[in-house]
Amino acid sequence: MTHRLWNAGQIILMTATLLALGSAVAPASLAQQKHAPQTAGVDDTKMGPYRALAQLAYAAIQKGDHATAAKLVRILERCWDKAEDYGGDTALSKTNHDLFEQIDKAMDVFINVVEKSTATPDMTAIRAAYNAYLDKLKLAD
């Protein structure tokens, strides 16, 4: 039986190959996100919980679980309204009203396409609304 030792060049090549494969199969939404500290997979940023709820709703739609997706976007909207619209002096609507409006509108579009999805949802519209919403959230992190 022959034992083969790997040299440094082979290890570097294998590592680079694995990294390239991993990034090639990563969902587009994950590639768009910046790397913030996380707890249990939720970014520890002001917008992290909203992003996490949107991600869960999007994943549910992709799996065909429309009822769960609809529940999650309703929770997203209620949490957003309570914290960022009526949440006091630190609410985004008070600290940056223009950005609040941009995010709120993008969120409403995402919520509407998810809630209107049927057994054959328009994944192109859902993906576009989802990505637009995540892009707006990044502006507030």
N, C-alpha and C. Protein backbone atom coordinates (compact mmCIF):
# COMPACT_ATOMS: atom_id res chain seq x y z
N MET A 1 0.85 -1.17 0.00
CA MET A 1 0.00 0.00 0.00
C MET A 1 0.89 1.23 0.00
N THR A 2 0.62 2.13 -0.91
CA THR A 2 1.43 3.34 -1.05
C THR A 2 0.72 4.49 -0.36
N HIS A 3 1.47 5.22 0.48
CA HIS A 3 0.94 6.42 1.12
C HIS A 3 1.46 7.62 0.38
N ARG A 4 0.59 8.53 0.10
CA ARG A 4 0.99 9.72 -0.65
C ARG A 4 0.94 10.93 0.27
N LEU A 5 1.98 11.67 0.32
CA LEU A 5 2.01 12.91 1.07
C LEU A 5 1.76 14.05 0.10
N TRP A 6 0.97 14.98 0.52
CA TRP A 6 0.65 16.13 -0.31
C TRP A 6 1.67 17.22 -0.02
N ASN A 7 2.11 17.85 -1.07
CA ASN A 7 3.01 18.99 -0.85
C ASN A 7 2.19 20.27 -0.72
N ALA A 8 2.84 21.33 -0.32
CA ALA A 8 2.13 22.60 -0.07
C ALA A 8 1.39 23.09 -1.31
N GLY A 9 1.98 22.95 -2.47
CA GLY A 9 1.33 23.41 -3.70
C GLY A 9 0.04 22.66 -3.98
N GLN A 10 0.04 21.35 -3.73
CA GLN A 10 -1.17 20.57 -3.95
C GLN A 10 -2.27 20.95 -2.95
N ILE A 11 -1.87 21.22 -1.72
CA ILE A 11 -2.84 21.62 -0.70
C ILE A 11 -3.46 22.96 -1.06
N ILE A 12 -2.62 23.90 -1.51
CA ILE A 12 -3.13 25.23 -1.91
C ILE A 12 -4.07 25.09 -3.09
N LEU A 13 -3.70 24.28 -4.08
CA LEU A 13 -4.54 24.08 -5.25
C LEU A 13 -5.88 23.45 -4.86
N MET A 14 -5.85 22.45 -3.98
CA MET A 14 -7.09 21.80 -3.54
C MET A 14 -7.97 22.78 -2.76
N THR A 15 -7.37 23.57 -1.90
CA THR A 15 -8.12 24.56 -1.13
C THR A 15 -8.76 25.59 -2.06
N ALA A 16 -8.02 26.07 -3.02
CA ALA A 16 -8.55 27.06 -3.96
C ALA A 16 -9.68 26.45 -4.78
N THR A 17 -9.54 25.20 -5.18
CA THR A 17 -10.59 24.53 -5.94
C THR A 17 -11.87 24.39 -5.12
N LEU A 18 -11.73 23.98 -3.86
CA LEU A 18 -12.90 23.84 -3.00
C LEU A 18 -13.58 25.19 -2.75
N LEU A 19 -12.78 26.23 -2.55
CA LEU A 19 -13.35 27.56 -2.35
C LEU A 19 -14.09 28.03 -3.59
N ALA A 20 -13.51 27.78 -4.75
CA ALA A 20 -14.15 28.18 -6.00
C ALA A 20 -15.46 27.43 -6.21
N LEU A 21 -15.46 26.14 -5.92
CA LEU A 21 -16.69 25.37 -6.06
C LEU A 21 -17.74 25.85 -5.08
N GLY A 22 -17.36 26.14 -3.87
CA GLY A 22 -18.30 26.62 -2.87
C GLY A 22 -18.92 27.94 -3.26
N SER A 23 -18.13 28.84 -3.79
CA SER A 23 -18.69 30.14 -4.18
C SER A 23 -19.51 30.03 -5.45
N ALA A 24 -19.22 29.06 -6.28
CA ALA A 24 -19.98 28.91 -7.52
C ALA A 24 -21.39 28.40 -7.26
N VAL A 25 -21.57 27.63 -6.20
CA VAL A 25 -22.89 27.10 -5.93
C VAL A 25 -23.64 27.88 -4.87
N ALA A 26 -23.02 28.91 -4.31
CA ALA A 26 -23.70 29.72 -3.28
C ALA A 26 -24.84 30.50 -3.92
N PRO A 27 -25.97 30.60 -3.23
CA PRO A 27 -27.09 31.39 -3.76
C PRO A 27 -26.68 32.85 -3.97
N ALA A 28 -27.28 33.46 -4.97
CA ALA A 28 -26.96 34.86 -5.27
C ALA A 28 -27.23 35.76 -4.08
N SER A 29 -28.28 35.47 -3.34
CA SER A 29 -28.62 36.33 -2.21
C SER A 29 -27.54 36.31 -1.14
N LEU A 30 -26.89 35.17 -0.95
CA LEU A 30 -25.82 35.10 0.03
C LEU A 30 -24.60 35.87 -0.44
N ALA A 31 -24.35 35.85 -1.73
CA ALA A 31 -23.19 36.56 -2.26
C ALA A 31 -23.35 38.07 -2.11
N GLN A 32 -24.59 38.54 -2.07
CA GLN A 32 -24.84 39.97 -1.99
C GLN A 32 -24.66 40.52 -0.58
N GLN A 33 -24.68 39.65 0.41
CA GLN A 33 -24.67 40.12 1.78
C GLN A 33 -23.24 40.35 2.26
N LYS A 34 -23.07 41.40 3.04
CA LYS A 34 -21.76 41.61 3.64
C LYS A 34 -21.67 40.75 4.87
N HIS A 35 -20.47 40.49 5.30
CA HIS A 35 -20.24 39.60 6.43
C HIS A 35 -20.24 40.39 7.72
N ALA A 36 -21.34 40.31 8.45
CA ALA A 36 -21.47 40.97 9.75
C ALA A 36 -21.40 39.88 10.82
N PRO A 37 -21.02 40.25 12.02
CA PRO A 37 -21.06 39.26 13.10
C PRO A 37 -22.48 38.71 13.22
N GLN A 38 -22.57 37.42 13.53
CA GLN A 38 -23.88 36.79 13.60
C GLN A 38 -24.07 36.03 14.90
N THR A 39 -25.32 35.86 15.27
CA THR A 39 -25.71 34.98 16.36
C THR A 39 -26.80 34.08 15.81
N ALA A 40 -26.57 32.79 15.86
CA ALA A 40 -27.53 31.80 15.34
C ALA A 40 -27.93 32.09 13.90
N GLY A 41 -27.00 32.58 13.09
CA GLY A 41 -27.27 32.84 11.68
C GLY A 41 -27.95 34.15 11.37
N VAL A 42 -28.16 34.99 12.39
CA VAL A 42 -28.81 36.29 12.19
C VAL A 42 -27.77 37.38 12.41
N ASP A 43 -27.63 38.26 11.42
CA ASP A 43 -26.67 39.36 11.54
C ASP A 43 -26.96 40.18 12.79
N ASP A 44 -25.90 40.50 13.53
CA ASP A 44 -26.02 41.34 14.72
C ASP A 44 -25.95 42.82 14.32
N THR A 45 -26.85 43.18 13.41
CA THR A 45 -26.96 44.57 12.97
C THR A 45 -28.40 45.00 13.20
N LYS A 46 -28.64 46.28 13.07
CA LYS A 46 -30.01 46.78 13.26
C LYS A 46 -30.98 46.15 12.25
N MET A 47 -30.52 45.90 11.04
CA MET A 47 -31.39 45.34 10.00
C MET A 47 -31.34 43.81 9.94
N GLY A 48 -30.50 43.19 10.74
CA GLY A 48 -30.33 41.74 10.71
C GLY A 48 -31.61 40.94 10.88
N PRO A 49 -32.44 41.25 11.86
CA PRO A 49 -33.68 40.47 12.02
C PRO A 49 -34.62 40.58 10.81
N TYR A 50 -34.70 41.74 10.20
CA TYR A 50 -35.56 41.91 9.02
C TYR A 50 -35.01 41.10 7.85
N ARG A 51 -33.69 41.13 7.69
CA ARG A 51 -33.03 40.36 6.64
C ARG A 51 -33.29 38.87 6.86
N ALA A 52 -33.14 38.41 8.10
CA ALA A 52 -33.33 36.99 8.41
C ALA A 52 -34.76 36.54 8.11
N LEU A 53 -35.75 37.34 8.48
CA LEU A 53 -37.14 36.99 8.18
C LEU A 53 -37.38 36.93 6.68
N ALA A 54 -36.81 37.86 5.94
CA ALA A 54 -36.96 37.84 4.47
C ALA A 54 -36.29 36.60 3.89
N GLN A 55 -35.12 36.25 4.40
CA GLN A 55 -34.43 35.06 3.91
C GLN A 55 -35.24 33.80 4.17
N LEU A 56 -35.83 33.71 5.37
CA LEU A 56 -36.65 32.54 5.69
C LEU A 56 -37.89 32.47 4.80
N ALA A 57 -38.52 33.61 4.56
CA ALA A 57 -39.70 33.64 3.68
C ALA A 57 -39.32 33.25 2.25
N TYR A 58 -38.21 33.76 1.78
CA TYR A 58 -37.75 33.43 0.42
C TYR A 58 -37.44 31.93 0.31
N ALA A 59 -36.79 31.39 1.32
CA ALA A 59 -36.48 29.95 1.32
C ALA A 59 -37.76 29.12 1.34
N ALA A 60 -38.76 29.56 2.08
CA ALA A 60 -40.04 28.84 2.13
C ALA A 60 -40.71 28.84 0.76
N ILE A 61 -40.70 29.99 0.10
CA ILE A 61 -41.30 30.08 -1.25
C ILE A 61 -40.57 29.14 -2.21
N GLN A 62 -39.24 29.12 -2.11
CA GLN A 62 -38.47 28.24 -2.99
C GLN A 62 -38.83 26.77 -2.78
N LYS A 63 -39.20 26.42 -1.56
CA LYS A 63 -39.59 25.04 -1.25
C LYS A 63 -41.05 24.77 -1.55
N GLY A 64 -41.79 25.81 -1.95
CA GLY A 64 -43.19 25.64 -2.25
C GLY A 64 -44.10 25.77 -1.04
N ASP A 65 -43.56 26.24 0.08
CA ASP A 65 -44.34 26.39 1.31
C ASP A 65 -44.88 27.82 1.37
N HIS A 66 -45.94 28.06 0.64
CA HIS A 66 -46.50 29.40 0.51
C HIS A 66 -47.11 29.91 1.81
N ALA A 67 -47.72 29.01 2.59
CA ALA A 67 -48.36 29.42 3.84
C ALA A 67 -47.31 29.94 4.83
N THR A 68 -46.20 29.23 4.96
CA THR A 68 -45.14 29.68 5.87
C THR A 68 -44.54 30.99 5.38
N ALA A 69 -44.31 31.11 4.09
CA ALA A 69 -43.76 32.35 3.53
C ALA A 69 -44.68 33.52 3.83
N ALA A 70 -45.98 33.32 3.65
CA ALA A 70 -46.94 34.40 3.92
C ALA A 70 -46.93 34.79 5.40
N LYS A 71 -46.83 33.82 6.29
CA LYS A 71 -46.75 34.12 7.72
C LYS A 71 -45.49 34.91 8.04
N LEU A 72 -44.39 34.49 7.47
CA LEU A 72 -43.11 35.15 7.76
C LEU A 72 -43.09 36.60 7.26
N VAL A 73 -43.65 36.86 6.09
CA VAL A 73 -43.64 38.25 5.61
C VAL A 73 -44.60 39.11 6.42
N ARG A 74 -45.66 38.51 6.94
CA ARG A 74 -46.57 39.27 7.81
C ARG A 74 -45.85 39.61 9.12
N ILE A 75 -45.10 38.66 9.67
CA ILE A 75 -44.30 38.93 10.88
C ILE A 75 -43.26 40.00 10.59
N LEU A 76 -42.63 39.91 9.43
CA LEU A 76 -41.64 40.91 9.01
C LEU A 76 -42.25 42.31 9.02
N GLU A 77 -43.42 42.44 8.42
CA GLU A 77 -44.06 43.75 8.35
C GLU A 77 -44.43 44.27 9.73
N ARG A 78 -44.98 43.43 10.58
CA ARG A 78 -45.39 43.85 11.92
C ARG A 78 -44.19 44.27 12.76
N CYS A 79 -43.12 43.49 12.70
CA CYS A 79 -41.91 43.83 13.47
C CYS A 79 -41.31 45.14 12.97
N TRP A 80 -41.26 45.30 11.66
CA TRP A 80 -40.72 46.52 11.06
C TRP A 80 -41.53 47.74 11.51
N ASP A 81 -42.83 47.65 11.40
CA ASP A 81 -43.69 48.78 11.77
C ASP A 81 -43.53 49.13 13.25
N LYS A 82 -43.52 48.13 14.11
CA LYS A 82 -43.42 48.38 15.56
C LYS A 82 -42.07 49.01 15.93
N ALA A 83 -41.00 48.56 15.31
CA ALA A 83 -39.67 49.03 15.70
C ALA A 83 -39.20 50.25 14.92
N GLU A 84 -39.44 50.27 13.62
CA GLU A 84 -38.82 51.30 12.79
C GLU A 84 -39.77 52.43 12.40
N ASP A 85 -41.05 52.25 12.60
CA ASP A 85 -41.99 53.33 12.31
C ASP A 85 -42.48 53.96 13.61
N TYR A 86 -42.89 53.12 14.55
CA TYR A 86 -43.46 53.63 15.80
C TYR A 86 -42.53 53.39 17.00
N GLY A 87 -41.27 53.09 16.75
CA GLY A 87 -40.36 52.64 17.80
C GLY A 87 -39.66 53.68 18.62
N GLY A 88 -40.05 54.90 18.57
CA GLY A 88 -39.43 55.91 19.40
C GLY A 88 -38.30 56.65 18.70
N ASP A 89 -37.44 57.27 19.50
CA ASP A 89 -36.40 58.15 18.97
C ASP A 89 -35.35 57.45 18.10
N THR A 90 -35.12 56.15 18.33
CA THR A 90 -34.11 55.44 17.55
C THR A 90 -34.69 54.76 16.31
N ALA A 91 -35.99 54.89 16.10
CA ALA A 91 -36.63 54.30 14.94
C ALA A 91 -36.08 54.94 13.67
N LEU A 92 -35.91 54.14 12.64
CA LEU A 92 -35.36 54.64 11.38
C LEU A 92 -36.24 55.73 10.79
N SER A 93 -37.53 55.65 11.01
CA SER A 93 -38.43 56.70 10.49
C SER A 93 -38.11 58.06 11.11
N LYS A 94 -37.51 58.06 12.29
CA LYS A 94 -37.13 59.31 12.96
C LYS A 94 -35.70 59.72 12.63
N THR A 95 -34.80 58.74 12.52
CA THR A 95 -33.38 59.06 12.31
C THR A 95 -33.02 59.28 10.85
N ASN A 96 -33.75 58.63 9.92
CA ASN A 96 -33.48 58.78 8.49
C ASN A 96 -34.77 58.44 7.74
N HIS A 97 -35.67 59.39 7.71
CA HIS A 97 -37.01 59.14 7.15
C HIS A 97 -36.96 58.73 5.67
N ASP A 98 -36.08 59.35 4.89
CA ASP A 98 -35.99 59.01 3.47
C ASP A 98 -35.59 57.55 3.29
N LEU A 99 -34.58 57.11 4.02
CA LEU A 99 -34.15 55.71 3.93
C LEU A 99 -35.25 54.78 4.44
N PHE A 100 -35.92 55.18 5.51
CA PHE A 100 -37.05 54.40 6.02
C PHE A 100 -38.08 54.18 4.91
N GLU A 101 -38.44 55.24 4.21
CA GLU A 101 -39.43 55.14 3.13
C GLU A 101 -38.96 54.20 2.02
N GLN A 102 -37.68 54.30 1.64
CA GLN A 102 -37.14 53.43 0.59
C GLN A 102 -37.24 51.96 0.99
N ILE A 103 -36.82 51.66 2.21
CA ILE A 103 -36.86 50.28 2.69
C ILE A 103 -38.30 49.81 2.82
N ASP A 104 -39.15 50.65 3.36
CA ASP A 104 -40.56 50.29 3.56
C ASP A 104 -41.23 49.96 2.23
N LYS A 105 -40.96 50.74 1.21
CA LYS A 105 -41.55 50.48 -0.12
C LYS A 105 -41.02 49.18 -0.71
N ALA A 106 -39.71 48.95 -0.60
CA ALA A 106 -39.13 47.70 -1.12
C ALA A 106 -39.68 46.49 -0.37
N MET A 107 -39.86 46.64 0.95
CA MET A 107 -40.43 45.57 1.75
C MET A 107 -41.87 45.30 1.32
N ASP A 108 -42.65 46.34 1.10
CA ASP A 108 -44.04 46.16 0.67
C ASP A 108 -44.14 45.41 -0.66
N VAL A 109 -43.24 45.72 -1.59
CA VAL A 109 -43.24 45.01 -2.87
C VAL A 109 -42.94 43.54 -2.64
N PHE A 110 -41.93 43.24 -1.83
CA PHE A 110 -41.57 41.85 -1.53
C PHE A 110 -42.75 41.13 -0.87
N ILE A 111 -43.34 41.76 0.12
CA ILE A 111 -44.48 41.15 0.83
C ILE A 111 -45.63 40.87 -0.14
N ASN A 112 -45.93 41.83 -1.00
CA ASN A 112 -47.04 41.65 -1.95
C ASN A 112 -46.81 40.49 -2.90
N VAL A 113 -45.60 40.36 -3.44
CA VAL A 113 -45.37 39.26 -4.39
C VAL A 113 -45.39 37.91 -3.68
N VAL A 114 -44.92 37.88 -2.43
CA VAL A 114 -44.97 36.62 -1.67
C VAL A 114 -46.42 36.26 -1.34
N GLU A 115 -47.18 37.22 -0.85
CA GLU A 115 -48.56 36.94 -0.46
C GLU A 115 -49.44 36.58 -1.66
N LYS A 116 -49.10 37.05 -2.83
CA LYS A 116 -49.89 36.75 -4.02
C LYS A 116 -49.40 35.51 -4.76
N SER A 117 -48.34 34.87 -4.23
CA SER A 117 -47.82 33.69 -4.90
C SER A 117 -48.83 32.56 -4.79
N THR A 118 -48.85 31.73 -5.80
CA THR A 118 -49.77 30.60 -5.85
C THR A 118 -48.96 29.33 -5.99
N ALA A 119 -49.60 28.29 -6.42
CA ALA A 119 -48.89 27.02 -6.60
C ALA A 119 -47.76 27.16 -7.62
N THR A 120 -47.89 28.12 -8.53
CA THR A 120 -46.82 28.38 -9.50
C THR A 120 -46.43 29.86 -9.41
N PRO A 121 -45.64 30.20 -8.39
CA PRO A 121 -45.28 31.60 -8.20
C PRO A 121 -44.34 32.11 -9.29
N ASP A 122 -44.37 33.41 -9.50
CA ASP A 122 -43.45 34.06 -10.44
C ASP A 122 -42.13 34.29 -9.70
N MET A 123 -41.26 33.29 -9.77
CA MET A 123 -40.01 33.35 -9.01
C MET A 123 -39.10 34.48 -9.48
N THR A 124 -39.23 34.89 -10.72
CA THR A 124 -38.42 36.01 -11.21
C THR A 124 -38.83 37.29 -10.48
N ALA A 125 -40.12 37.53 -10.36
CA ALA A 125 -40.60 38.72 -9.65
C ALA A 125 -40.29 38.65 -8.17
N ILE A 126 -40.44 37.47 -7.59
CA ILE A 126 -40.15 37.30 -6.16
C ILE A 126 -38.66 37.53 -5.90
N ARG A 127 -37.82 36.95 -6.72
CA ARG A 127 -36.36 37.11 -6.56
C ARG A 127 -35.96 38.57 -6.73
N ALA A 128 -36.53 39.24 -7.70
CA ALA A 128 -36.20 40.66 -7.93
C ALA A 128 -36.62 41.51 -6.73
N ALA A 129 -37.83 41.26 -6.22
CA ALA A 129 -38.32 42.03 -5.06
C ALA A 129 -37.47 41.72 -3.82
N TYR A 130 -37.12 40.47 -3.64
CA TYR A 130 -36.29 40.04 -2.52
C TYR A 130 -34.92 40.72 -2.56
N ASN A 131 -34.27 40.67 -3.71
CA ASN A 131 -32.94 41.28 -3.86
C ASN A 131 -33.00 42.80 -3.69
N ALA A 132 -34.04 43.43 -4.22
CA ALA A 132 -34.18 44.88 -4.06
C ALA A 132 -34.36 45.24 -2.59
N TYR A 133 -35.14 44.44 -1.88
CA TYR A 133 -35.35 44.68 -0.44
C TYR A 133 -34.03 44.52 0.33
N LEU A 134 -33.30 43.44 0.07
CA LEU A 134 -32.02 43.24 0.76
C LEU A 134 -31.03 44.37 0.45
N ASP A 135 -31.04 44.84 -0.79
CA ASP A 135 -30.16 45.96 -1.15
C ASP A 135 -30.48 47.21 -0.35
N LYS A 136 -31.77 47.47 -0.17
CA LYS A 136 -32.16 48.66 0.62
C LYS A 136 -31.78 48.49 2.10
N LEU A 137 -31.94 47.28 2.63
CA LEU A 137 -31.57 47.04 4.03
C LEU A 137 -30.08 47.30 4.28
N LYS A 138 -29.26 46.96 3.28
CA LYS A 138 -27.81 47.19 3.42
C LYS A 138 -27.49 48.65 3.67
N LEU A 139 -28.30 49.54 3.12
CA LEU A 139 -28.05 50.97 3.28
C LEU A 139 -28.22 51.44 4.72
N ALA A 140 -28.96 50.66 5.52
CA ALA A 140 -29.23 51.07 6.90
C ALA A 140 -28.33 50.36 7.92
N ASP A 141 -27.58 49.36 7.49
CA ASP A 141 -26.69 48.64 8.43
C ASP A 141 -25.55 49.50 8.92
